[in-house]
Amino acid sequence: MRSESVGTDAGEARVTWAVPEGARLVVALGHGAGGGIEARDLQGLARALHRDKVAVALVEQPWRVAGKKVAPAPRTLDSGWRGIWPALRKPGLPVVAGGRSAGARVACRTAEDLGAVGVLALSFPLHPPGKPEKSRADELLDAARTLPTLVVQGANDPFGKPEEFPQGPYELAAVPYGDHSFAVPKRSGMTPDDAVRTVVDAVRPWVLGLRE
């Protein structure tokens, strides 16, 4: 992997690239508000998609690069994401806009305007925990109406379980027993590696279908 710094209106962002020879597609993945690109699912996808000859760009928002503890407002997150887009397009390949949690929301809000070829939403925060009335479904549905969209959601995600999602023109895959970070309880019989494998198994065929 190689990293590059990218200046944006929101500050300096960082993109960590995994680019295999012969790549024909880039999957850009942003992190959530509570963690960075070291998240197990993001790292697992980077390894798996690299083997599939898909380039992966792990994007660190300016606030994270600056060492801040709290994510800024959605408008600032969107500005940071838009600022890194020219760097993502530099290889001259189609780009999938993706991310986990807050990063998934950013991807949904900006994908069409930026010319993405699809949206990958990991752990989409459908609503704040315990507040289903404050739904963010419109962000997801707006993206899905114009672009191929895949949501991968933990079955026990307090930000929205799979059955809470409205019907729409997107694909939805569930990670059994998974919470918002796709962590699974020991009593489930699943391991953390099993959970990541479930995420990868859902994402790979969808991405490869876009590439064909």
N, C-alpha and C. Protein backbone atom coordinates (compact mmCIF):
# COMPACT_ATOMS: atom_id res chain seq x y z
N MET A 1 0.83 -1.19 0.00
CA MET A 1 0.00 0.00 0.00
C MET A 1 0.88 1.25 0.00
N ARG A 2 0.37 2.32 -0.60
CA ARG A 2 1.06 3.60 -0.56
C ARG A 2 0.05 4.68 -0.16
N SER A 3 0.52 5.69 0.50
CA SER A 3 -0.35 6.76 0.98
C SER A 3 0.03 8.08 0.33
N GLU A 4 -0.96 8.93 0.14
CA GLU A 4 -0.72 10.28 -0.36
C GLU A 4 -1.61 11.26 0.39
N SER A 5 -1.10 12.45 0.61
CA SER A 5 -1.86 13.52 1.23
C SER A 5 -2.58 14.30 0.14
N VAL A 6 -3.80 14.72 0.45
CA VAL A 6 -4.62 15.44 -0.53
C VAL A 6 -5.21 16.66 0.17
N GLY A 7 -4.95 17.84 -0.36
CA GLY A 7 -5.52 19.05 0.20
C GLY A 7 -6.98 19.21 -0.18
N THR A 8 -7.82 19.56 0.78
CA THR A 8 -9.24 19.80 0.53
C THR A 8 -9.65 21.09 1.23
N ASP A 9 -10.86 21.56 0.93
CA ASP A 9 -11.37 22.75 1.61
C ASP A 9 -11.56 22.53 3.11
N ALA A 10 -11.62 21.26 3.52
CA ALA A 10 -11.79 20.94 4.94
C ALA A 10 -10.48 20.63 5.64
N GLY A 11 -9.37 20.73 4.91
CA GLY A 11 -8.07 20.41 5.47
C GLY A 11 -7.40 19.30 4.68
N GLU A 12 -6.30 18.81 5.22
CA GLU A 12 -5.52 17.79 4.53
C GLU A 12 -6.08 16.40 4.81
N ALA A 13 -6.47 15.70 3.75
CA ALA A 13 -6.94 14.33 3.85
C ALA A 13 -5.80 13.39 3.46
N ARG A 14 -6.04 12.09 3.63
CA ARG A 14 -5.02 11.10 3.25
C ARG A 14 -5.70 9.92 2.57
N VAL A 15 -5.11 9.46 1.48
CA VAL A 15 -5.62 8.30 0.75
C VAL A 15 -4.54 7.21 0.77
N THR A 16 -4.92 6.03 1.25
CA THR A 16 -4.02 4.88 1.25
C THR A 16 -4.49 3.92 0.16
N TRP A 17 -3.62 3.69 -0.80
CA TRP A 17 -3.96 2.94 -2.00
C TRP A 17 -3.47 1.49 -1.95
N ALA A 18 -4.28 0.60 -2.48
CA ALA A 18 -3.87 -0.77 -2.80
C ALA A 18 -4.28 -1.00 -4.24
N VAL A 19 -3.33 -0.92 -5.14
CA VAL A 19 -3.64 -0.95 -6.57
C VAL A 19 -2.96 -2.15 -7.23
N PRO A 20 -3.72 -3.16 -7.61
CA PRO A 20 -3.12 -4.30 -8.29
C PRO A 20 -2.87 -3.98 -9.77
N GLU A 21 -1.95 -4.70 -10.35
CA GLU A 21 -1.69 -4.54 -11.78
C GLU A 21 -2.93 -4.98 -12.57
N GLY A 22 -3.32 -4.17 -13.53
CA GLY A 22 -4.46 -4.51 -14.36
C GLY A 22 -5.80 -4.13 -13.77
N ALA A 23 -5.83 -3.30 -12.73
CA ALA A 23 -7.10 -2.89 -12.11
C ALA A 23 -7.96 -2.14 -13.12
N ARG A 24 -9.28 -2.38 -13.05
CA ARG A 24 -10.22 -1.71 -13.95
C ARG A 24 -11.28 -0.95 -13.20
N LEU A 25 -11.15 -0.89 -11.87
CA LEU A 25 -12.15 -0.23 -11.04
C LEU A 25 -11.50 0.19 -9.73
N VAL A 26 -11.95 1.31 -9.18
CA VAL A 26 -11.51 1.77 -7.86
C VAL A 26 -12.70 1.74 -6.90
N VAL A 27 -12.51 1.15 -5.74
CA VAL A 27 -13.49 1.23 -4.66
C VAL A 27 -12.91 2.13 -3.58
N ALA A 28 -13.53 3.28 -3.37
CA ALA A 28 -13.09 4.23 -2.36
C ALA A 28 -13.90 4.01 -1.08
N LEU A 29 -13.21 3.87 0.04
CA LEU A 29 -13.88 3.56 1.31
C LEU A 29 -13.50 4.59 2.37
N GLY A 30 -14.49 5.31 2.87
CA GLY A 30 -14.28 6.24 3.95
C GLY A 30 -14.61 5.59 5.30
N HIS A 31 -14.05 6.10 6.35
CA HIS A 31 -14.25 5.55 7.70
C HIS A 31 -15.44 6.20 8.38
N GLY A 32 -15.74 5.69 9.56
CA GLY A 32 -16.85 6.24 10.34
C GLY A 32 -16.40 7.34 11.28
N ALA A 33 -17.35 7.81 12.10
CA ALA A 33 -17.05 8.88 13.05
C ALA A 33 -16.31 8.38 14.28
N GLY A 34 -16.34 7.06 14.51
CA GLY A 34 -15.73 6.53 15.72
C GLY A 34 -14.45 5.76 15.48
N GLY A 35 -13.95 5.75 14.27
CA GLY A 35 -12.75 4.99 13.97
C GLY A 35 -12.17 5.38 12.64
N GLY A 36 -11.07 4.72 12.28
CA GLY A 36 -10.39 5.06 11.04
C GLY A 36 -10.35 3.92 10.07
N ILE A 37 -9.40 3.98 9.15
CA ILE A 37 -9.31 2.97 8.10
C ILE A 37 -8.75 1.65 8.61
N GLU A 38 -8.39 1.59 9.89
CA GLU A 38 -7.94 0.32 10.45
C GLU A 38 -9.09 -0.62 10.78
N ALA A 39 -10.33 -0.19 10.59
CA ALA A 39 -11.49 -1.04 10.85
C ALA A 39 -11.34 -2.38 10.13
N ARG A 40 -11.71 -3.46 10.80
CA ARG A 40 -11.48 -4.80 10.28
C ARG A 40 -12.16 -5.02 8.93
N ASP A 41 -13.37 -4.50 8.77
CA ASP A 41 -14.08 -4.72 7.51
C ASP A 41 -13.41 -3.97 6.36
N LEU A 42 -12.94 -2.75 6.61
CA LEU A 42 -12.28 -1.99 5.56
C LEU A 42 -10.97 -2.67 5.14
N GLN A 43 -10.21 -3.13 6.12
CA GLN A 43 -8.95 -3.80 5.81
C GLN A 43 -9.20 -5.13 5.10
N GLY A 44 -10.22 -5.85 5.54
CA GLY A 44 -10.54 -7.12 4.89
C GLY A 44 -10.96 -6.94 3.45
N LEU A 45 -11.74 -5.91 3.19
CA LEU A 45 -12.16 -5.63 1.82
C LEU A 45 -10.97 -5.21 0.96
N ALA A 46 -10.07 -4.41 1.52
CA ALA A 46 -8.90 -3.98 0.76
C ALA A 46 -8.07 -5.18 0.31
N ARG A 47 -7.89 -6.15 1.21
CA ARG A 47 -7.11 -7.34 0.85
C ARG A 47 -7.83 -8.18 -0.18
N ALA A 48 -9.12 -8.42 0.03
CA ALA A 48 -9.87 -9.31 -0.86
C ALA A 48 -10.03 -8.72 -2.25
N LEU A 49 -10.39 -7.45 -2.33
CA LEU A 49 -10.61 -6.84 -3.64
C LEU A 49 -9.31 -6.68 -4.41
N HIS A 50 -8.21 -6.49 -3.71
CA HIS A 50 -6.91 -6.43 -4.38
C HIS A 50 -6.65 -7.74 -5.12
N ARG A 51 -7.01 -8.84 -4.51
CA ARG A 51 -6.82 -10.15 -5.17
C ARG A 51 -7.72 -10.28 -6.39
N ASP A 52 -8.82 -9.53 -6.40
CA ASP A 52 -9.74 -9.56 -7.53
C ASP A 52 -9.39 -8.53 -8.60
N LYS A 53 -8.21 -7.94 -8.48
CA LYS A 53 -7.77 -6.92 -9.44
C LYS A 53 -8.64 -5.67 -9.38
N VAL A 54 -9.12 -5.35 -8.19
CA VAL A 54 -9.88 -4.12 -7.95
C VAL A 54 -9.03 -3.23 -7.05
N ALA A 55 -8.80 -1.99 -7.48
CA ALA A 55 -8.04 -1.05 -6.66
C ALA A 55 -8.92 -0.56 -5.51
N VAL A 56 -8.31 -0.40 -4.35
CA VAL A 56 -9.02 0.11 -3.17
C VAL A 56 -8.30 1.35 -2.66
N ALA A 57 -9.09 2.39 -2.39
CA ALA A 57 -8.56 3.63 -1.82
C ALA A 57 -9.21 3.83 -0.45
N LEU A 58 -8.42 3.73 0.60
CA LEU A 58 -8.92 3.95 1.96
C LEU A 58 -8.71 5.42 2.30
N VAL A 59 -9.81 6.12 2.54
CA VAL A 59 -9.78 7.57 2.65
C VAL A 59 -9.91 8.00 4.11
N GLU A 60 -8.95 8.80 4.58
CA GLU A 60 -9.00 9.38 5.92
C GLU A 60 -9.40 10.84 5.81
N GLN A 61 -10.48 11.17 6.46
CA GLN A 61 -10.99 12.54 6.43
C GLN A 61 -10.02 13.50 7.14
N PRO A 62 -10.04 14.78 6.76
CA PRO A 62 -9.12 15.74 7.35
C PRO A 62 -9.15 15.79 8.88
N TRP A 63 -10.33 15.67 9.48
CA TRP A 63 -10.39 15.74 10.93
C TRP A 63 -9.62 14.59 11.58
N ARG A 64 -9.66 13.44 10.93
CA ARG A 64 -8.95 12.27 11.45
C ARG A 64 -7.44 12.44 11.27
N VAL A 65 -7.04 12.94 10.10
CA VAL A 65 -5.62 13.17 9.83
C VAL A 65 -5.05 14.18 10.83
N ALA A 66 -5.86 15.17 11.19
CA ALA A 66 -5.42 16.21 12.12
C ALA A 66 -5.39 15.74 13.57
N GLY A 67 -5.85 14.52 13.84
CA GLY A 67 -5.82 13.99 15.19
C GLY A 67 -6.96 14.42 16.08
N LYS A 68 -8.02 14.96 15.48
CA LYS A 68 -9.16 15.39 16.28
C LYS A 68 -10.00 14.18 16.71
N LYS A 69 -10.68 14.32 17.84
CA LYS A 69 -11.43 13.20 18.41
C LYS A 69 -12.88 13.15 17.95
N VAL A 70 -13.40 14.29 17.50
CA VAL A 70 -14.83 14.37 17.16
C VAL A 70 -14.97 14.76 15.69
N ALA A 71 -15.82 14.03 15.00
CA ALA A 71 -16.06 14.33 13.58
C ALA A 71 -16.83 15.64 13.44
N PRO A 72 -16.59 16.39 12.37
CA PRO A 72 -17.31 17.65 12.15
C PRO A 72 -18.70 17.41 11.59
N ALA A 73 -19.38 18.49 11.25
CA ALA A 73 -20.74 18.41 10.71
C ALA A 73 -20.73 17.73 9.34
N PRO A 74 -21.89 17.15 8.95
CA PRO A 74 -21.97 16.47 7.65
C PRO A 74 -21.49 17.31 6.48
N ARG A 75 -21.79 18.60 6.49
CA ARG A 75 -21.37 19.45 5.37
C ARG A 75 -19.85 19.46 5.24
N THR A 76 -19.13 19.48 6.37
CA THR A 76 -17.67 19.48 6.33
C THR A 76 -17.14 18.12 5.88
N LEU A 77 -17.79 17.05 6.31
CA LEU A 77 -17.40 15.72 5.85
C LEU A 77 -17.56 15.61 4.34
N ASP A 78 -18.67 16.11 3.84
CA ASP A 78 -18.91 16.07 2.39
C ASP A 78 -17.85 16.88 1.64
N SER A 79 -17.46 18.01 2.20
CA SER A 79 -16.45 18.85 1.57
C SER A 79 -15.11 18.13 1.50
N GLY A 80 -14.75 17.45 2.58
CA GLY A 80 -13.51 16.70 2.57
C GLY A 80 -13.52 15.59 1.53
N TRP A 81 -14.65 14.89 1.44
CA TRP A 81 -14.79 13.79 0.48
C TRP A 81 -14.73 14.31 -0.96
N ARG A 82 -15.43 15.40 -1.21
CA ARG A 82 -15.40 15.98 -2.55
C ARG A 82 -13.98 16.42 -2.93
N GLY A 83 -13.24 16.90 -1.95
CA GLY A 83 -11.89 17.37 -2.22
C GLY A 83 -10.92 16.28 -2.61
N ILE A 84 -11.16 15.05 -2.14
CA ILE A 84 -10.25 13.96 -2.49
C ILE A 84 -10.65 13.28 -3.79
N TRP A 85 -11.82 13.60 -4.33
CA TRP A 85 -12.31 12.89 -5.50
C TRP A 85 -11.39 12.99 -6.71
N PRO A 86 -10.80 14.16 -7.01
CA PRO A 86 -9.87 14.21 -8.15
C PRO A 86 -8.71 13.22 -8.00
N ALA A 87 -8.23 13.01 -6.77
CA ALA A 87 -7.16 12.04 -6.56
C ALA A 87 -7.65 10.62 -6.81
N LEU A 88 -8.90 10.35 -6.46
CA LEU A 88 -9.47 9.02 -6.70
C LEU A 88 -9.66 8.75 -8.18
N ARG A 89 -9.91 9.81 -8.95
CA ARG A 89 -10.11 9.66 -10.39
C ARG A 89 -8.80 9.65 -11.17
N LYS A 90 -7.71 9.96 -10.50
CA LYS A 90 -6.42 10.11 -11.18
C LYS A 90 -6.00 8.86 -11.96
N PRO A 91 -6.26 7.64 -11.43
CA PRO A 91 -5.86 6.47 -12.22
C PRO A 91 -6.65 6.31 -13.52
N GLY A 92 -7.70 7.10 -13.71
CA GLY A 92 -8.48 7.02 -14.93
C GLY A 92 -9.46 5.87 -14.96
N LEU A 93 -9.85 5.37 -13.79
CA LEU A 93 -10.76 4.24 -13.67
C LEU A 93 -12.10 4.68 -13.08
N PRO A 94 -13.18 3.93 -13.36
CA PRO A 94 -14.45 4.20 -12.69
C PRO A 94 -14.28 4.05 -11.17
N VAL A 95 -15.02 4.84 -10.42
CA VAL A 95 -14.88 4.84 -8.96
C VAL A 95 -16.21 4.53 -8.29
N VAL A 96 -16.19 3.57 -7.37
CA VAL A 96 -17.32 3.29 -6.49
C VAL A 96 -17.14 4.12 -5.23
N ALA A 97 -18.16 4.85 -4.83
CA ALA A 97 -18.13 5.62 -3.59
C ALA A 97 -18.62 4.75 -2.45
N GLY A 98 -17.80 4.58 -1.43
CA GLY A 98 -18.19 3.71 -0.33
C GLY A 98 -17.67 4.20 1.00
N GLY A 99 -18.12 3.54 2.05
CA GLY A 99 -17.67 3.87 3.38
C GLY A 99 -18.48 3.15 4.42
N ARG A 100 -18.04 3.27 5.66
CA ARG A 100 -18.78 2.67 6.77
C ARG A 100 -19.36 3.76 7.66
N SER A 101 -20.58 3.53 8.14
CA SER A 101 -21.25 4.42 9.07
C SER A 101 -21.34 5.85 8.52
N ALA A 102 -20.72 6.83 9.19
CA ALA A 102 -20.77 8.20 8.68
C ALA A 102 -20.20 8.29 7.27
N GLY A 103 -19.19 7.47 6.99
CA GLY A 103 -18.61 7.44 5.65
C GLY A 103 -19.59 6.94 4.61
N ALA A 104 -20.48 6.04 5.01
CA ALA A 104 -21.52 5.56 4.09
C ALA A 104 -22.51 6.68 3.77
N ARG A 105 -22.84 7.48 4.77
CA ARG A 105 -23.74 8.60 4.53
C ARG A 105 -23.12 9.61 3.57
N VAL A 106 -21.84 9.89 3.77
CA VAL A 106 -21.15 10.82 2.88
C VAL A 106 -21.19 10.30 1.44
N ALA A 107 -20.90 9.02 1.28
CA ALA A 107 -20.91 8.43 -0.06
C ALA A 107 -22.29 8.55 -0.70
N CYS A 108 -23.33 8.28 0.06
CA CYS A 108 -24.69 8.37 -0.47
C CYS A 108 -25.03 9.80 -0.89
N ARG A 109 -24.64 10.76 -0.09
CA ARG A 109 -25.01 12.15 -0.36
C ARG A 109 -24.30 12.74 -1.57
N THR A 110 -23.12 12.23 -1.90
CA THR A 110 -22.29 12.88 -2.91
C THR A 110 -22.07 12.06 -4.18
N ALA A 111 -22.40 10.79 -4.17
CA ALA A 111 -21.99 9.88 -5.25
C ALA A 111 -22.45 10.32 -6.62
N GLU A 112 -23.71 10.70 -6.75
CA GLU A 112 -24.23 11.05 -8.06
C GLU A 112 -23.52 12.29 -8.62
N ASP A 113 -23.40 13.32 -7.80
CA ASP A 113 -22.77 14.56 -8.26
C ASP A 113 -21.31 14.34 -8.67
N LEU A 114 -20.64 13.42 -8.00
CA LEU A 114 -19.22 13.20 -8.27
C LEU A 114 -18.98 12.24 -9.44
N GLY A 115 -20.03 11.61 -9.93
CA GLY A 115 -19.87 10.71 -11.06
C GLY A 115 -19.46 9.30 -10.68
N ALA A 116 -19.77 8.87 -9.46
CA ALA A 116 -19.47 7.50 -9.05
C ALA A 116 -20.30 6.51 -9.86
N VAL A 117 -19.81 5.28 -9.94
CA VAL A 117 -20.53 4.25 -10.69
C VAL A 117 -21.34 3.34 -9.78
N GLY A 118 -21.24 3.54 -8.48
CA GLY A 118 -21.99 2.75 -7.52
C GLY A 118 -21.74 3.25 -6.12
N VAL A 119 -22.55 2.75 -5.17
CA VAL A 119 -22.42 3.16 -3.77
C VAL A 119 -22.36 1.90 -2.90
N LEU A 120 -21.36 1.82 -2.05
CA LEU A 120 -21.21 0.72 -1.09
C LEU A 120 -21.35 1.29 0.31
N ALA A 121 -22.43 0.92 0.99
CA ALA A 121 -22.73 1.46 2.32
C ALA A 121 -22.59 0.36 3.36
N LEU A 122 -21.55 0.46 4.17
CA LEU A 122 -21.31 -0.50 5.25
C LEU A 122 -21.82 0.09 6.56
N SER A 123 -22.67 -0.66 7.25
CA SER A 123 -23.22 -0.19 8.53
C SER A 123 -23.85 1.19 8.38
N PHE A 124 -24.74 1.32 7.41
CA PHE A 124 -25.41 2.61 7.21
C PHE A 124 -26.19 2.98 8.47
N PRO A 125 -25.93 4.16 9.06
CA PRO A 125 -26.63 4.55 10.29
C PRO A 125 -28.03 5.08 9.97
N LEU A 126 -28.96 4.17 9.86
CA LEU A 126 -30.31 4.53 9.43
C LEU A 126 -30.96 5.53 10.37
N HIS A 127 -30.64 5.43 11.65
CA HIS A 127 -31.18 6.36 12.65
C HIS A 127 -30.29 6.32 13.88
N PRO A 128 -30.31 7.34 14.73
CA PRO A 128 -29.56 7.25 16.00
C PRO A 128 -30.13 6.11 16.84
N PRO A 129 -29.30 5.47 17.67
CA PRO A 129 -29.81 4.38 18.50
C PRO A 129 -31.01 4.78 19.33
N GLY A 130 -32.05 3.98 19.26
CA GLY A 130 -33.25 4.24 20.04
C GLY A 130 -34.15 5.33 19.51
N LYS A 131 -33.83 5.88 18.33
CA LYS A 131 -34.62 6.97 17.78
C LYS A 131 -34.99 6.69 16.32
N PRO A 132 -35.78 5.65 16.08
CA PRO A 132 -36.13 5.28 14.70
C PRO A 132 -36.90 6.37 13.96
N GLU A 133 -37.51 7.29 14.71
CA GLU A 133 -38.26 8.37 14.06
C GLU A 133 -37.34 9.37 13.35
N LYS A 134 -36.06 9.36 13.70
CA LYS A 134 -35.10 10.28 13.06
C LYS A 134 -34.37 9.54 11.94
N SER A 135 -35.13 9.11 10.96
CA SER A 135 -34.60 8.28 9.89
C SER A 135 -33.76 9.07 8.90
N ARG A 136 -32.71 8.43 8.42
CA ARG A 136 -31.87 8.99 7.35
C ARG A 136 -32.04 8.22 6.05
N ALA A 137 -33.16 7.53 5.95
CA ALA A 137 -33.39 6.67 4.79
C ALA A 137 -33.34 7.44 3.48
N ASP A 138 -33.74 8.71 3.50
CA ASP A 138 -33.76 9.48 2.25
C ASP A 138 -32.37 9.58 1.63
N GLU A 139 -31.34 9.68 2.45
CA GLU A 139 -29.98 9.74 1.90
C GLU A 139 -29.66 8.49 1.10
N LEU A 140 -30.02 7.35 1.66
CA LEU A 140 -29.77 6.08 0.99
C LEU A 140 -30.63 5.93 -0.26
N LEU A 141 -31.90 6.23 -0.13
CA LEU A 141 -32.82 6.06 -1.25
C LEU A 141 -32.49 7.00 -2.40
N ASP A 142 -32.07 8.21 -2.09
CA ASP A 142 -31.70 9.15 -3.15
C ASP A 142 -30.54 8.61 -3.97
N ALA A 143 -29.57 8.00 -3.30
CA ALA A 143 -28.43 7.42 -4.02
C ALA A 143 -28.86 6.20 -4.83
N ALA A 144 -29.68 5.36 -4.22
CA ALA A 144 -30.07 4.11 -4.86
C ALA A 144 -30.97 4.31 -6.07
N ARG A 145 -31.67 5.42 -6.12
CA ARG A 145 -32.54 5.67 -7.27
C ARG A 145 -31.76 5.94 -8.55
N THR A 146 -30.50 6.32 -8.41
CA THR A 146 -29.72 6.68 -9.59
C THR A 146 -28.49 5.79 -9.80
N LEU A 147 -28.04 5.07 -8.76
CA LEU A 147 -26.81 4.29 -8.86
C LEU A 147 -26.99 2.91 -8.23
N PRO A 148 -26.30 1.90 -8.76
CA PRO A 148 -26.28 0.60 -8.07
C PRO A 148 -25.79 0.79 -6.64
N THR A 149 -26.51 0.25 -5.68
CA THR A 149 -26.19 0.48 -4.28
C THR A 149 -26.29 -0.82 -3.49
N LEU A 150 -25.28 -1.08 -2.68
CA LEU A 150 -25.27 -2.24 -1.79
C LEU A 150 -25.12 -1.76 -0.35
N VAL A 151 -25.99 -2.24 0.52
CA VAL A 151 -25.90 -1.99 1.96
C VAL A 151 -25.52 -3.30 2.64
N VAL A 152 -24.51 -3.27 3.50
CA VAL A 152 -24.16 -4.43 4.32
C VAL A 152 -24.36 -4.01 5.77
N GLN A 153 -25.25 -4.70 6.46
CA GLN A 153 -25.70 -4.25 7.78
C GLN A 153 -25.64 -5.38 8.79
N GLY A 154 -25.18 -5.06 10.01
CA GLY A 154 -25.20 -6.03 11.09
C GLY A 154 -26.62 -6.33 11.53
N ALA A 155 -26.90 -7.59 11.80
CA ALA A 155 -28.26 -7.99 12.18
C ALA A 155 -28.70 -7.38 13.50
N ASN A 156 -27.73 -6.99 14.35
CA ASN A 156 -28.05 -6.38 15.64
C ASN A 156 -27.52 -4.95 15.73
N ASP A 157 -27.48 -4.26 14.62
CA ASP A 157 -26.96 -2.89 14.61
C ASP A 157 -27.97 -1.95 15.26
N PRO A 158 -27.60 -1.29 16.37
CA PRO A 158 -28.54 -0.37 17.03
C PRO A 158 -28.85 0.88 16.20
N PHE A 159 -28.05 1.13 15.17
CA PHE A 159 -28.32 2.25 14.27
C PHE A 159 -29.27 1.86 13.13
N GLY A 160 -29.78 0.66 13.18
CA GLY A 160 -30.73 0.20 12.17
C GLY A 160 -30.49 -1.25 11.80
N LYS A 161 -31.41 -2.11 12.18
CA LYS A 161 -31.32 -3.52 11.81
C LYS A 161 -31.82 -3.70 10.38
N PRO A 162 -31.40 -4.75 9.71
CA PRO A 162 -31.81 -4.95 8.31
C PRO A 162 -33.32 -4.86 8.09
N GLU A 163 -34.10 -5.40 9.01
CA GLU A 163 -35.56 -5.39 8.82
C GLU A 163 -36.17 -4.00 8.98
N GLU A 164 -35.42 -3.05 9.50
CA GLU A 164 -35.92 -1.69 9.63
C GLU A 164 -35.78 -0.88 8.35
N PHE A 165 -34.98 -1.35 7.41
CA PHE A 165 -34.74 -0.59 6.20
C PHE A 165 -35.97 -0.61 5.29
N PRO A 166 -36.29 0.52 4.69
CA PRO A 166 -37.45 0.57 3.79
C PRO A 166 -37.15 -0.15 2.48
N GLN A 167 -38.19 -0.52 1.79
CA GLN A 167 -38.00 -1.09 0.46
C GLN A 167 -37.42 -0.03 -0.46
N GLY A 168 -36.57 -0.46 -1.36
CA GLY A 168 -35.96 0.49 -2.29
C GLY A 168 -35.13 -0.24 -3.32
N PRO A 169 -34.64 0.48 -4.31
CA PRO A 169 -33.88 -0.14 -5.40
C PRO A 169 -32.41 -0.36 -5.05
N TYR A 170 -32.17 -1.02 -3.93
CA TYR A 170 -30.80 -1.32 -3.52
C TYR A 170 -30.75 -2.75 -3.01
N GLU A 171 -29.54 -3.29 -2.93
CA GLU A 171 -29.34 -4.62 -2.38
C GLU A 171 -28.96 -4.50 -0.91
N LEU A 172 -29.41 -5.45 -0.11
CA LEU A 172 -29.15 -5.42 1.33
C LEU A 172 -28.67 -6.79 1.78
N ALA A 173 -27.49 -6.83 2.39
CA ALA A 173 -26.93 -8.07 2.92
C ALA A 173 -26.75 -7.91 4.43
N ALA A 174 -27.04 -8.97 5.16
CA ALA A 174 -26.96 -8.93 6.62
C ALA A 174 -25.77 -9.73 7.12
N VAL A 175 -25.14 -9.25 8.19
CA VAL A 175 -24.10 -9.98 8.89
C VAL A 175 -24.73 -10.54 10.16
N PRO A 176 -24.96 -11.86 10.24
CA PRO A 176 -25.63 -12.44 11.41
C PRO A 176 -24.96 -12.04 12.72
N TYR A 177 -25.78 -11.63 13.68
CA TYR A 177 -25.34 -11.27 15.03
C TYR A 177 -24.50 -9.99 15.09
N GLY A 178 -24.17 -9.40 13.96
CA GLY A 178 -23.25 -8.28 13.95
C GLY A 178 -23.83 -7.00 14.52
N ASP A 179 -22.99 -6.22 15.20
CA ASP A 179 -23.41 -4.91 15.68
C ASP A 179 -22.96 -3.85 14.67
N HIS A 180 -22.84 -2.61 15.10
CA HIS A 180 -22.52 -1.53 14.15
C HIS A 180 -21.11 -1.66 13.57
N SER A 181 -20.21 -2.29 14.32
CA SER A 181 -18.85 -2.50 13.83
C SER A 181 -18.66 -3.92 13.28
N PHE A 182 -19.78 -4.65 13.14
CA PHE A 182 -19.78 -6.05 12.70
C PHE A 182 -19.14 -6.97 13.73
N ALA A 183 -19.00 -6.50 14.97
CA ALA A 183 -18.55 -7.38 16.04
C ALA A 183 -19.67 -8.37 16.37
N VAL A 184 -19.29 -9.59 16.70
CA VAL A 184 -20.28 -10.64 17.00
C VAL A 184 -20.00 -11.21 18.38
N PRO A 185 -21.05 -11.55 19.15
CA PRO A 185 -20.83 -12.12 20.49
C PRO A 185 -20.29 -13.54 20.40
N LYS A 186 -19.50 -13.93 21.38
CA LYS A 186 -18.92 -15.27 21.40
C LYS A 186 -19.99 -16.36 21.37
N ARG A 187 -21.10 -16.10 22.02
CA ARG A 187 -22.16 -17.11 22.09
C ARG A 187 -22.78 -17.40 20.72
N SER A 188 -22.51 -16.54 19.75
CA SER A 188 -23.09 -16.74 18.41
C SER A 188 -22.44 -17.90 17.67
N GLY A 189 -21.23 -18.28 18.11
CA GLY A 189 -20.49 -19.31 17.39
C GLY A 189 -19.69 -18.76 16.23
N MET A 190 -19.83 -17.46 15.95
CA MET A 190 -19.05 -16.81 14.89
C MET A 190 -17.82 -16.15 15.50
N THR A 191 -16.77 -16.03 14.70
CA THR A 191 -15.58 -15.32 15.10
C THR A 191 -15.53 -13.98 14.39
N PRO A 192 -14.68 -13.05 14.85
CA PRO A 192 -14.52 -11.79 14.11
C PRO A 192 -14.14 -12.02 12.65
N ASP A 193 -13.30 -13.03 12.40
CA ASP A 193 -12.92 -13.34 11.02
C ASP A 193 -14.12 -13.81 10.22
N ASP A 194 -15.02 -14.57 10.85
CA ASP A 194 -16.24 -15.00 10.16
C ASP A 194 -17.08 -13.80 9.74
N ALA A 195 -17.18 -12.83 10.62
CA ALA A 195 -17.98 -11.64 10.32
C ALA A 195 -17.39 -10.87 9.14
N VAL A 196 -16.07 -10.68 9.16
CA VAL A 196 -15.42 -9.98 8.04
C VAL A 196 -15.59 -10.77 6.76
N ARG A 197 -15.49 -12.09 6.85
CA ARG A 197 -15.66 -12.92 5.66
C ARG A 197 -17.07 -12.77 5.09
N THR A 198 -18.05 -12.63 5.96
CA THR A 198 -19.43 -12.43 5.50
C THR A 198 -19.56 -11.11 4.75
N VAL A 199 -18.91 -10.07 5.27
CA VAL A 199 -18.92 -8.78 4.59
C VAL A 199 -18.27 -8.92 3.21
N VAL A 200 -17.10 -9.52 3.18
CA VAL A 200 -16.36 -9.68 1.92
C VAL A 200 -17.18 -10.50 0.92
N ASP A 201 -17.80 -11.57 1.40
CA ASP A 201 -18.57 -12.44 0.50
C ASP A 201 -19.78 -11.73 -0.09
N ALA A 202 -20.30 -10.75 0.62
CA ALA A 202 -21.42 -9.96 0.10
C ALA A 202 -20.95 -8.92 -0.90
N VAL A 203 -19.79 -8.32 -0.63
CA VAL A 203 -19.32 -7.20 -1.45
C VAL A 203 -18.68 -7.66 -2.75
N ARG A 204 -17.89 -8.73 -2.71
CA ARG A 204 -17.11 -9.13 -3.89
C ARG A 204 -17.97 -9.34 -5.13
N PRO A 205 -19.02 -10.16 -5.09
CA PRO A 205 -19.78 -10.38 -6.32
C PRO A 205 -20.47 -9.13 -6.81
N TRP A 206 -20.87 -8.26 -5.89
CA TRP A 206 -21.52 -7.00 -6.29
C TRP A 206 -20.51 -6.11 -7.02
N VAL A 207 -19.32 -5.97 -6.47
CA VAL A 207 -18.29 -5.15 -7.10
C VAL A 207 -17.88 -5.74 -8.45
N LEU A 208 -17.67 -7.04 -8.47
CA LEU A 208 -17.23 -7.68 -9.72
C LEU A 208 -18.31 -7.57 -10.80
N GLY A 209 -19.56 -7.53 -10.37
CA GLY A 209 -20.65 -7.33 -11.32
C GLY A 209 -20.62 -5.94 -11.93
N LEU A 210 -20.20 -4.96 -11.14
CA LEU A 210 -20.05 -3.59 -11.66
C LEU A 210 -18.92 -3.52 -12.67
N ARG A 211 -17.87 -4.28 -12.42
CA ARG A 211 -16.67 -4.21 -13.24
C ARG A 211 -16.89 -4.84 -14.61
N GLU A 212 -17.78 -5.81 -14.68
CA GLU A 212 -17.98 -6.55 -15.94
C GLU A 212 -18.70 -5.70 -16.99
